[in-house]
Amino acid sequence: MAFFKKIFQNNPKIKKIIGAIFLLIGLIALITPFTPGSWLIFVGLELLGIRFLLWDKIKNKFKKQ
C-alpha cells in the first residue's frame, strides 16, 4: 500500500490517468452487465480530486459514533 501511495504522491499525472480509467470503467459498468463494477465511478472521482459535497458530513457522523 505504501508503494502505491508513494507513486501517487510523486506522479500526480499517473493518479489522474488511473482516476480517469476507473471513472470510464464505472460509467461503462452502468450500461453493461458489469453493474457491480459501477462503484468504480466513485473511486475514479476521488482519485481525480473531486470530493463529494456531503463527504465531510458523513465522515464527521462516523467519527462521532
C-alpha atoms as a PDB file:
ATOM      1  CA  MET A   1       0.000   0.000   0.000  1.00  0.00           C
ATOM      2  CA  ALA A   2       2.847   2.390   0.797  1.00  0.00           C
ATOM      3  CA  PHE A   3       4.266   1.699  -2.655  1.00  0.00           C
ATOM      4  CA  PHE A   4       1.119   2.999  -4.365  1.00  0.00           C
ATOM      5  CA  LYS A   5       0.921   5.981  -2.035  1.00  0.00           C
ATOM      6  CA  LYS A   6       4.477   6.922  -2.938  1.00  0.00           C
ATOM      7  CA  ILE A   7       3.757   6.631  -6.669  1.00  0.00           C
ATOM      8  CA  PHE A   8       0.610   8.763  -6.414  1.00  0.00           C
ATOM      9  CA  GLN A   9       2.348  11.485  -4.400  1.00  0.00           C
ATOM     10  CA  ASN A  10       5.348  11.696  -6.716  1.00  0.00           C
ATOM     11  CA  ASN A  11       3.406  11.480 -10.009  1.00  0.00           C
ATOM     12  CA  PRO A  12       0.080  13.348  -9.999  1.00  0.00           C
ATOM     13  CA  LYS A  13      -0.338  12.604 -13.726  1.00  0.00           C
ATOM     14  CA  ILE A  14      -0.467   8.863 -13.019  1.00  0.00           C
ATOM     15  CA  LYS A  15      -3.084   9.464 -10.331  1.00  0.00           C
ATOM     16  CA  LYS A  16      -5.242  11.420 -12.796  1.00  0.00           C
ATOM     17  CA  ILE A  17      -4.843   8.797 -15.511  1.00  0.00           C
ATOM     18  CA  ILE A  18      -5.839   5.964 -13.170  1.00  0.00           C
ATOM     19  CA  GLY A  19      -8.748   8.043 -11.870  1.00  0.00           C
ATOM     20  CA  ALA A  20      -9.984   8.679 -15.409  1.00  0.00           C
ATOM     21  CA  ILE A  21      -9.699   4.972 -16.238  1.00  0.00           C
ATOM     22  CA  PHE A  22     -11.718   3.998 -13.143  1.00  0.00           C
ATOM     23  CA  LEU A  23     -14.311   6.639 -13.994  1.00  0.00           C
ATOM     24  CA  LEU A  24     -14.623   5.348 -17.549  1.00  0.00           C
ATOM     25  CA  ILE A  25     -14.894   1.715 -16.425  1.00  0.00           C
ATOM     26  CA  GLY A  26     -17.521   2.713 -13.859  1.00  0.00           C
ATOM     27  CA  LEU A  27     -19.588   4.540 -16.477  1.00  0.00           C
ATOM     28  CA  ILE A  28     -19.368   1.565 -18.820  1.00  0.00           C
ATOM     29  CA  ALA A  29     -20.412  -0.704 -15.942  1.00  0.00           C
ATOM     30  CA  LEU A  30     -23.632   1.277 -15.546  1.00  0.00           C
ATOM     31  CA  ILE A  31     -24.863   0.318 -19.010  1.00  0.00           C
ATOM     32  CA  THR A  32     -23.386  -3.173 -19.312  1.00  0.00           C
ATOM     33  CA  PRO A  33     -23.733  -6.379 -17.304  1.00  0.00           C
ATOM     34  CA  PHE A  34     -20.784  -5.251 -15.141  1.00  0.00           C
ATOM     35  CA  THR A  35     -23.204  -3.410 -12.849  1.00  0.00           C
ATOM     36  CA  PRO A  36     -21.407  -4.345  -9.608  1.00  0.00           C
ATOM     37  CA  GLY A  37     -18.382  -2.528 -11.010  1.00  0.00           C
ATOM     38  CA  SER A  38     -20.191   0.805 -11.140  1.00  0.00           C
ATOM     39  CA  TRP A  39     -18.711   1.741  -7.737  1.00  0.00           C
ATOM     40  CA  LEU A  40     -15.522   2.478  -9.659  1.00  0.00           C
ATOM     41  CA  ILE A  41     -17.109   5.809 -10.611  1.00  0.00           C
ATOM     42  CA  PHE A  42     -16.675   6.974  -7.031  1.00  0.00           C
ATOM     43  CA  VAL A  43     -13.102   5.687  -6.850  1.00  0.00           C
ATOM     44  CA  GLY A  44     -12.257   7.482 -10.085  1.00  0.00           C
ATOM     45  CA  LEU A  45     -13.792  10.741  -8.913  1.00  0.00           C
ATOM     46  CA  GLU A  46     -11.860  10.549  -5.669  1.00  0.00           C
ATOM     47  CA  LEU A  47      -8.576   9.944  -7.494  1.00  0.00           C
ATOM     48  CA  LEU A  48      -9.286  12.879  -9.778  1.00  0.00           C
ATOM     49  CA  GLY A  49      -9.715  15.061  -6.711  1.00  0.00           C
ATOM     50  CA  ILE A  50     -13.444  15.633  -6.978  1.00  0.00           C
ATOM     51  CA  ARG A  51     -14.796  15.390  -3.462  1.00  0.00           C
ATOM     52  CA  PHE A  52     -18.398  14.711  -2.704  1.00  0.00           C
ATOM     53  CA  LEU A  53     -20.392  17.592  -1.259  1.00  0.00           C
ATOM     54  CA  LEU A  54     -21.510  15.650   1.773  1.00  0.00           C
ATOM     55  CA  TRP A  55     -18.283  13.743   2.369  1.00  0.00           C
ATOM     56  CA  ASP A  56     -17.198  15.833   5.365  1.00  0.00           C
ATOM     57  CA  LYS A  57     -20.625  15.499   6.974  1.00  0.00           C
ATOM     58  CA  ILE A  58     -20.621  11.732   6.502  1.00  0.00           C
ATOM     59  CA  LYS A  59     -17.076  11.453   7.835  1.00  0.00           C
ATOM     60  CA  ASN A  60     -17.895  13.526  10.927  1.00  0.00           C
ATOM     61  CA  LYS A  61     -21.008  11.452  11.605  1.00  0.00           C
ATOM     62  CA  PHE A  62     -18.997   8.221  11.701  1.00  0.00           C
ATOM     63  CA  LYS A  63     -16.266   9.797  13.830  1.00  0.00           C
ATOM     64  CA  LYS A  64     -18.832  10.789  16.466  1.00  0.00           C
ATOM     65  CA  GLN A  65     -20.069   7.209  16.760  1.00  0.00           C
END
